[in-house]
C-alpha cells in the first residue's frame, strides 16, 4: 500500500481564505510518523489524462491562465501557476493511488476528493475531478473495466455525476446532506440525502444499506473512496452531526465491505472545514490509520466486519 502526498505543492491563497490548506502538511506529518516509508510524491496528471474527464478546452484554459473572473469565483481560488501544478498533482495522486490499489489492494491520496469539478468548469474549491480522471485513466489503461465511486463527503458529488452521466461502467454512490451545497444537485447513479443534524446511528445505518445496494450492482474491479471529514459535527460547512468515532466506524465499514468483496480501493481525503484544523487532520489521519491496520481489499483476504446495523 502506497500513500501519495502533494503538500509540497502549496496553493497560494489570500489571508483569511476559508479553504484549510494547512491540513495537508499537518496530515502528511502525522502519517509520516507511522508510515513514512510508504509516502511518495505523485506525478502530475497530464493534459491527456485530464482530458478523458474534462473538456480539453477547459484543461487548456486552466493551464494557460485564461479562466475569466466568473469561472475563478465559481472555483473559489485565484489563478496562479502554483494552483495549476497543485491541481495536477492532486489528480495525479489519485491516479497513482488507484495503481497502488490494483497492485497491492489499497492506495491513498492525502488530498483529492475534488468532486465538484465538472467536465467544462471547476466549482467549490475543485479544479479537476480527481476521481473521474483516475477512473478514466484506469479504464483507458485496461486496468479496470467497472469502477465504484463511494463518495462520503457531506456535499453531493455533482461534478462526478455530470462527468460520468449514464455510463454504467462507473457507479457513483453519494451520501450527502440534503440541504447543503451544491443546491442544484446532479443525479448520481445512487444518491442518498440526509437531513441536517443526522448523527452517528442514522448515518451508519444508511451507509450499511446504501453500500450493500451499490455492491449488488457489481462486480467492480476498483473502488475510489472519498472519505470526507465534513460530516463531522464540528464542521463549519457540514450541517450533519457525526462524531469522530462515528466517522472512524464509517471508514471501518467501507473498507471491510470492499475487502469482503475483494475490491481494491483508492482512498482520497475530500472535504473538511472544522474551525480547528487539527480536528480535520484527526479525522483524515484516522482514515489512513484504518487503511494501514486493515490492509484494505487485498484480493482473497479476510476482514472482520465492523458491527454496524444492516
Protein backbone atom coordinates (compact mmCIF):
# COMPACT_ATOMS: atom_id res chain seq x y z
CA UNK A 1 0.00 0.00 0.00
CA UNK A 2 1.44 3.34 -1.09
CA UNK A 3 0.46 6.80 0.14
CA UNK A 4 0.75 9.88 -2.07
CA UNK A 5 1.32 13.38 -0.66
CA UNK A 6 1.29 16.59 -2.68
CA UNK A 7 1.53 19.09 0.18
CA UNK A 8 4.85 20.39 -1.15
CA UNK A 9 2.83 21.98 -3.95
CA UNK A 10 1.12 24.70 -1.95
CA UNK A 11 -1.86 26.57 -3.32
CA UNK A 12 -1.25 30.27 -2.55
CA UNK A 13 -4.35 31.81 -1.02
CA UNK A 14 -5.16 35.28 0.29
CA UNK A 15 -5.15 35.85 4.04
CA UNK A 16 -8.35 34.71 5.71
CA UNK A 17 -9.39 32.34 2.91
CA UNK A 18 -11.61 29.62 4.37
CA UNK A 19 -10.01 26.71 2.50
CA UNK A 20 -7.87 24.83 5.08
CA UNK A 21 -4.66 24.46 3.05
CA UNK A 22 -2.66 23.87 6.23
CA UNK A 23 -4.32 20.50 6.80
CA UNK A 24 -2.29 18.76 4.09
CA UNK A 25 1.18 19.31 5.54
CA UNK A 26 -0.05 18.51 9.05
CA UNK A 27 -1.67 15.31 7.80
CA UNK A 28 1.47 14.21 5.99
CA UNK A 29 3.49 14.80 9.16
CA UNK A 30 1.08 12.63 11.18
CA UNK A 31 1.10 9.86 8.57
CA UNK A 32 4.89 10.01 8.20
CA UNK A 33 5.25 9.19 11.89
CA UNK A 34 3.58 5.81 11.36
CA UNK A 35 4.15 5.04 7.67
CA UNK A 36 6.85 7.33 6.35
CA UNK A 37 8.43 4.65 4.18
CA UNK A 38 5.18 4.32 2.21
CA UNK A 39 4.82 8.00 1.29
CA UNK A 40 5.55 9.01 -2.29
CA UNK A 41 5.26 12.25 -4.25
CA UNK A 42 2.76 11.79 -7.10
CA UNK A 43 3.40 12.68 -10.73
CA UNK A 44 1.31 15.49 -12.17
CA UNK A 45 -1.71 14.46 -14.23
CA UNK A 46 -1.06 15.14 -17.90
CA UNK A 47 -3.31 17.05 -20.29
CA UNK A 48 -4.31 13.77 -21.94
CA UNK A 49 -5.22 12.19 -18.60
CA UNK A 50 -7.26 15.22 -17.58
CA UNK A 51 -8.99 15.42 -20.97
CA UNK A 52 -10.51 11.96 -20.55
CA UNK A 53 -12.81 13.50 -17.91
CA UNK A 54 -12.73 17.20 -18.82
CA UNK A 55 -13.18 19.21 -21.98
CA UNK A 56 -9.74 19.79 -23.45
CA UNK A 57 -10.58 23.48 -23.91
CA UNK A 58 -11.20 23.76 -20.16
CA UNK A 59 -7.92 21.97 -19.33
CA UNK A 60 -6.06 24.37 -21.63
CA UNK A 61 -7.80 27.42 -20.16
CA UNK A 62 -6.77 26.36 -16.65
CA UNK A 63 -3.19 25.61 -17.70
CA UNK A 64 -2.76 28.86 -19.64
CA UNK A 65 -4.46 31.13 -17.11
CA UNK A 66 -7.35 32.02 -19.42
CA UNK A 67 -10.21 31.47 -16.95
CA UNK A 68 -12.35 34.57 -16.56
CA UNK A 69 -13.31 36.11 -13.22
CA UNK A 70 -16.66 34.35 -13.13
CA UNK A 71 -15.00 30.96 -13.63
CA UNK A 72 -12.47 31.69 -10.89
CA UNK A 73 -15.20 32.84 -8.48
CA UNK A 74 -17.01 29.58 -9.14
CA UNK A 75 -13.87 27.62 -8.26
CA UNK A 76 -13.09 29.83 -5.26
CA UNK A 77 -9.33 30.10 -5.87
CA UNK A 78 -7.23 32.79 -7.55
CA UNK A 79 -5.35 31.58 -10.61
CA UNK A 80 -1.60 31.01 -10.42
CA UNK A 81 0.90 28.59 -11.91
CA UNK A 82 1.12 27.05 -8.43
CA UNK A 83 -2.65 26.49 -8.42
CA UNK A 84 -2.39 24.62 -11.73
CA UNK A 85 0.50 22.47 -10.54
CA UNK A 86 -1.21 21.70 -7.24
CA UNK A 87 -4.39 20.66 -9.06
CA UNK A 88 -2.46 18.42 -11.45
CA UNK A 89 -0.59 16.77 -8.57
CA UNK A 90 -3.79 16.16 -6.61
CA UNK A 91 -5.37 14.40 -9.60
CA UNK A 92 -2.13 12.56 -10.28
CA UNK A 93 -2.11 11.33 -6.69
CA UNK A 94 -5.48 9.62 -7.10
CA UNK A 95 -4.33 8.03 -10.36
CA UNK A 96 -1.25 6.75 -8.53
CA UNK A 97 -3.36 5.58 -5.57
CA UNK A 98 -5.52 3.59 -7.99
CA UNK A 99 -2.44 1.90 -9.43
CA UNK A 100 -1.29 1.06 -5.90
CA UNK A 101 -4.74 -0.31 -5.09
CA UNK A 102 -4.78 -2.57 -8.15
CA UNK A 103 -1.27 -3.82 -7.36
CA UNK A 104 -1.48 -4.11 -3.57
CA UNK A 105 -5.16 -3.87 -2.62
CA UNK A 106 -5.04 -0.27 -1.42
CA UNK A 107 -3.66 3.17 -2.16
CA UNK A 108 -4.11 6.56 -0.52
CA UNK A 109 -4.11 10.15 -1.71
CA UNK A 110 -3.60 12.54 1.21
CA UNK A 111 -5.56 15.13 -0.80
CA UNK A 112 -8.11 14.79 -3.61
CA UNK A 113 -11.84 14.29 -3.46
CA UNK A 114 -12.40 17.25 -5.79
CA UNK A 115 -15.85 16.10 -6.83
CA UNK A 116 -17.42 19.47 -7.70
CA UNK A 117 -15.30 19.91 -10.83
CA UNK A 118 -17.49 19.32 -13.91
CA UNK A 119 -16.47 18.40 -17.42
CA UNK A 120 -16.24 22.02 -18.56
CA UNK A 121 -15.76 24.06 -15.37
CA UNK A 122 -14.48 23.94 -11.82
CA UNK A 123 -16.51 24.75 -8.71
CA UNK A 124 -16.49 24.57 -4.92
CA UNK A 125 -12.69 24.58 -4.44
CA UNK A 126 -12.34 21.88 -7.13
CA UNK A 127 -10.36 22.47 -10.34
CA UNK A 128 -10.00 18.96 -11.77
CA UNK A 129 -12.15 15.98 -10.73
CA UNK A 130 -9.56 13.51 -9.46
CA UNK A 131 -11.95 10.55 -9.04
CA UNK A 132 -13.32 10.85 -12.57
CA UNK A 133 -9.86 11.45 -14.03
CA UNK A 134 -8.45 8.41 -12.21
CA UNK A 135 -11.38 6.15 -13.11
CA UNK A 136 -10.99 7.04 -16.79
CA UNK A 137 -7.23 6.53 -16.60
CA UNK A 138 -7.60 3.02 -15.21
CA UNK A 139 -10.16 2.17 -17.88
CA UNK A 140 -8.02 3.62 -20.68
CA UNK A 141 -5.01 1.65 -19.48
CA UNK A 142 -7.01 -1.57 -19.37
CA UNK A 143 -6.52 -1.94 -15.61
CA UNK A 144 -10.20 -1.70 -14.64
CA UNK A 145 -13.44 -2.04 -16.57
CA UNK A 146 -16.01 -1.13 -13.90
CA UNK A 147 -15.31 1.35 -11.11
CA UNK A 148 -17.32 2.13 -7.96
CA UNK A 149 -17.06 5.66 -6.54
CA UNK A 150 -18.08 5.76 -2.86
CA UNK A 151 -18.48 9.47 -2.13
CA UNK A 152 -18.93 10.16 1.59
CA UNK A 153 -18.13 13.85 1.53
CA UNK A 154 -21.01 15.79 3.10
CA UNK A 155 -21.62 17.59 -0.21
CA UNK A 156 -23.05 15.82 -3.24
CA UNK A 157 -20.57 14.74 -5.90
CA UNK A 158 -22.30 16.73 -8.62
CA UNK A 159 -19.26 17.08 -10.85
CA UNK A 160 -18.56 13.36 -10.83
CA UNK A 161 -22.21 12.64 -11.60
CA UNK A 162 -22.16 15.06 -14.55
CA UNK A 163 -18.92 13.71 -16.00
CA UNK A 164 -19.95 10.07 -15.68
CA UNK A 165 -23.53 10.65 -16.85
CA UNK A 166 -25.37 7.44 -17.63
CA UNK A 167 -22.22 5.42 -18.31
CA UNK A 168 -22.81 2.10 -16.47
CA UNK A 169 -19.06 1.39 -16.23
CA UNK A 170 -18.76 3.87 -13.32
CA UNK A 171 -21.24 3.53 -10.44
CA UNK A 172 -21.42 6.68 -8.33
CA UNK A 173 -22.76 6.43 -4.76
CA UNK A 174 -23.09 9.79 -2.99
CA UNK A 175 -24.32 10.07 0.62
CA UNK A 176 -24.66 13.76 1.44
CA UNK A 177 -26.62 16.49 3.16
CA UNK A 178 -29.99 17.23 1.57
CA UNK A 179 -29.87 20.98 2.27
CA UNK A 180 -26.20 21.57 1.57
CA UNK A 181 -24.07 22.69 -1.38
CA UNK A 182 -24.49 22.18 -4.29
CA UNK A 183 -28.08 23.37 -4.12
CA UNK A 184 -28.73 22.20 -7.69
CA UNK A 185 -27.82 18.51 -7.49
CA UNK A 186 -26.87 16.28 -10.42
CA UNK A 187 -28.22 12.73 -10.43
CA UNK A 188 -25.63 10.16 -9.41
CA UNK A 189 -26.26 6.51 -10.12
CA UNK A 190 -27.20 6.28 -6.43
CA UNK A 191 -27.91 9.35 -4.27
CA UNK A 192 -28.77 9.28 -0.57
CA UNK A 193 -29.79 12.58 1.04
CA UNK A 194 -29.52 13.17 4.79
CA UNK A 195 -31.34 15.71 6.92
CA UNK A 196 -29.48 18.38 8.90
CA UNK A 197 -28.35 17.08 12.27
CA UNK A 198 -28.06 13.42 11.23
CA UNK A 199 -25.91 11.68 13.85
CA UNK A 200 -23.87 8.51 14.17
CA UNK A 201 -26.59 5.86 14.42
CA UNK A 202 -28.69 7.05 11.48
CA UNK A 203 -25.64 7.83 9.33
CA UNK A 204 -24.07 4.42 9.82
CA UNK A 205 -27.35 2.58 9.28
CA UNK A 206 -27.92 4.40 5.98
CA UNK A 207 -24.35 3.70 4.91
CA UNK A 208 -24.71 -0.03 5.54
CA UNK A 209 -27.82 -0.27 3.39
CA UNK A 210 -26.62 2.02 0.60
CA UNK A 211 -23.20 0.43 0.20
CA UNK A 212 -24.71 -3.04 0.17
CA UNK A 213 -27.04 -1.96 -2.65
CA UNK A 214 -24.12 -0.45 -4.55
CA UNK A 215 -22.09 -3.64 -4.28
CA UNK A 216 -25.01 -5.66 -5.59
CA UNK A 217 -24.76 -3.71 -8.85
CA UNK A 218 -21.21 -5.05 -9.34
CA UNK A 219 -18.89 -6.72 -9.96
CA UNK A 220 -16.34 -3.93 -9.74
CA UNK A 221 -12.63 -4.03 -10.49
CA UNK A 222 -11.80 -0.96 -8.38
CA UNK A 223 -13.35 1.39 -5.83
CA UNK A 224 -12.46 5.03 -5.24
CA UNK A 225 -13.47 6.11 -1.74
CA UNK A 226 -13.89 9.82 -0.96
CA UNK A 227 -13.54 9.88 2.83
CA UNK A 228 -14.75 13.38 3.63
CA UNK A 229 -14.13 14.81 7.08
CA UNK A 230 -17.05 17.23 6.74
CA UNK A 231 -19.94 15.07 8.06
CA UNK A 232 -18.26 15.86 11.43
CA UNK A 233 -20.47 17.58 13.98
CA UNK A 234 -17.92 20.40 14.34
CA UNK A 235 -17.64 21.19 10.64
CA UNK A 236 -18.48 24.80 9.67
CA UNK A 237 -19.99 23.77 6.32
CA UNK A 238 -21.29 20.28 7.07
CA UNK A 239 -24.66 20.60 8.88
CA UNK A 240 -24.55 16.94 9.99
CA UNK A 241 -23.68 15.71 13.49
CA UNK A 242 -21.42 12.67 13.09
CA UNK A 243 -18.74 12.25 15.76
CA UNK A 244 -15.08 11.42 15.15
CA UNK A 245 -15.77 7.93 16.48
CA UNK A 246 -18.70 7.61 14.07
CA UNK A 247 -16.52 8.62 11.13
CA UNK A 248 -13.91 6.06 12.17
CA UNK A 249 -16.65 3.42 12.21
CA UNK A 250 -17.69 4.61 8.75
CA UNK A 251 -14.17 4.02 7.42
CA UNK A 252 -14.00 0.59 9.01
CA UNK A 253 -17.30 -0.42 7.49
CA UNK A 254 -16.47 0.81 3.99
CA UNK A 255 -13.07 -0.91 3.96
CA UNK A 256 -14.50 -4.11 5.47
CA UNK A 257 -17.27 -4.36 2.88
CA UNK A 258 -14.93 -3.62 -0.01
CA UNK A 259 -12.44 -6.09 1.44
CA UNK A 260 -15.06 -8.81 1.78
CA UNK A 261 -15.92 -8.24 -1.88
CA UNK A 262 -12.20 -8.33 -2.85
CA UNK A 263 -12.43 -4.88 -4.46
CA UNK A 264 -9.17 -2.87 -4.42
CA UNK A 265 -9.70 0.65 -3.08
CA UNK A 266 -8.05 4.01 -3.63
CA UNK A 267 -8.81 6.48 -0.85
CA UNK A 268 -8.94 10.28 -1.20
CA UNK A 269 -9.44 12.65 1.72
CA UNK A 270 -12.11 15.02 0.28
CA UNK A 271 -13.53 17.94 2.29
CA UNK A 272 -13.25 19.12 5.86
CA UNK A 273 -13.86 22.62 7.24
CA UNK A 274 -13.84 22.39 11.02
CA UNK A 275 -12.87 25.59 12.84
CA UNK A 276 -9.91 23.79 14.38
CA UNK A 277 -7.72 22.37 11.59
CA UNK A 278 -6.45 19.70 13.99
CA UNK A 279 -9.97 18.22 14.07
CA UNK A 280 -9.86 17.79 10.29
CA UNK A 281 -6.41 16.24 10.48
CA UNK A 282 -7.54 13.86 13.25
CA UNK A 283 -10.38 12.56 11.04
CA UNK A 284 -8.24 12.16 7.91
CA UNK A 285 -5.44 10.51 9.90
CA UNK A 286 -7.92 8.03 11.39
CA UNK A 287 -8.95 7.09 7.84
CA UNK A 288 -5.34 6.40 6.84
CA UNK A 289 -4.65 4.53 10.08
CA UNK A 290 -7.68 2.31 9.47
CA UNK A 291 -6.43 1.51 5.96
CA UNK A 292 -2.98 0.66 7.33
CA UNK A 293 -4.43 -1.59 10.05
CA UNK A 294 -6.90 -3.41 7.82
CA UNK A 295 -4.75 -3.70 4.73
CA UNK A 296 -7.75 -2.68 2.61
CA UNK A 297 -9.13 -5.01 -0.01
CA UNK A 298 -6.32 -7.42 -0.73
CA UNK A 299 -7.90 -9.93 -3.14
CA UNK A 300 -8.74 -13.14 -1.36
CA UNK A 301 -8.12 -11.60 2.05
CA UNK A 302 -10.41 -11.90 5.04
CA UNK A 303 -11.75 -8.97 7.02
CA UNK A 304 -13.61 -8.79 10.31
CA UNK A 305 -16.85 -6.95 9.64
CA UNK A 306 -17.49 -3.87 11.74
CA UNK A 307 -20.64 -4.15 13.80
CA UNK A 308 -22.95 -1.70 12.06
CA UNK A 309 -26.66 -2.49 11.77
CA UNK A 310 -27.52 -3.75 8.29
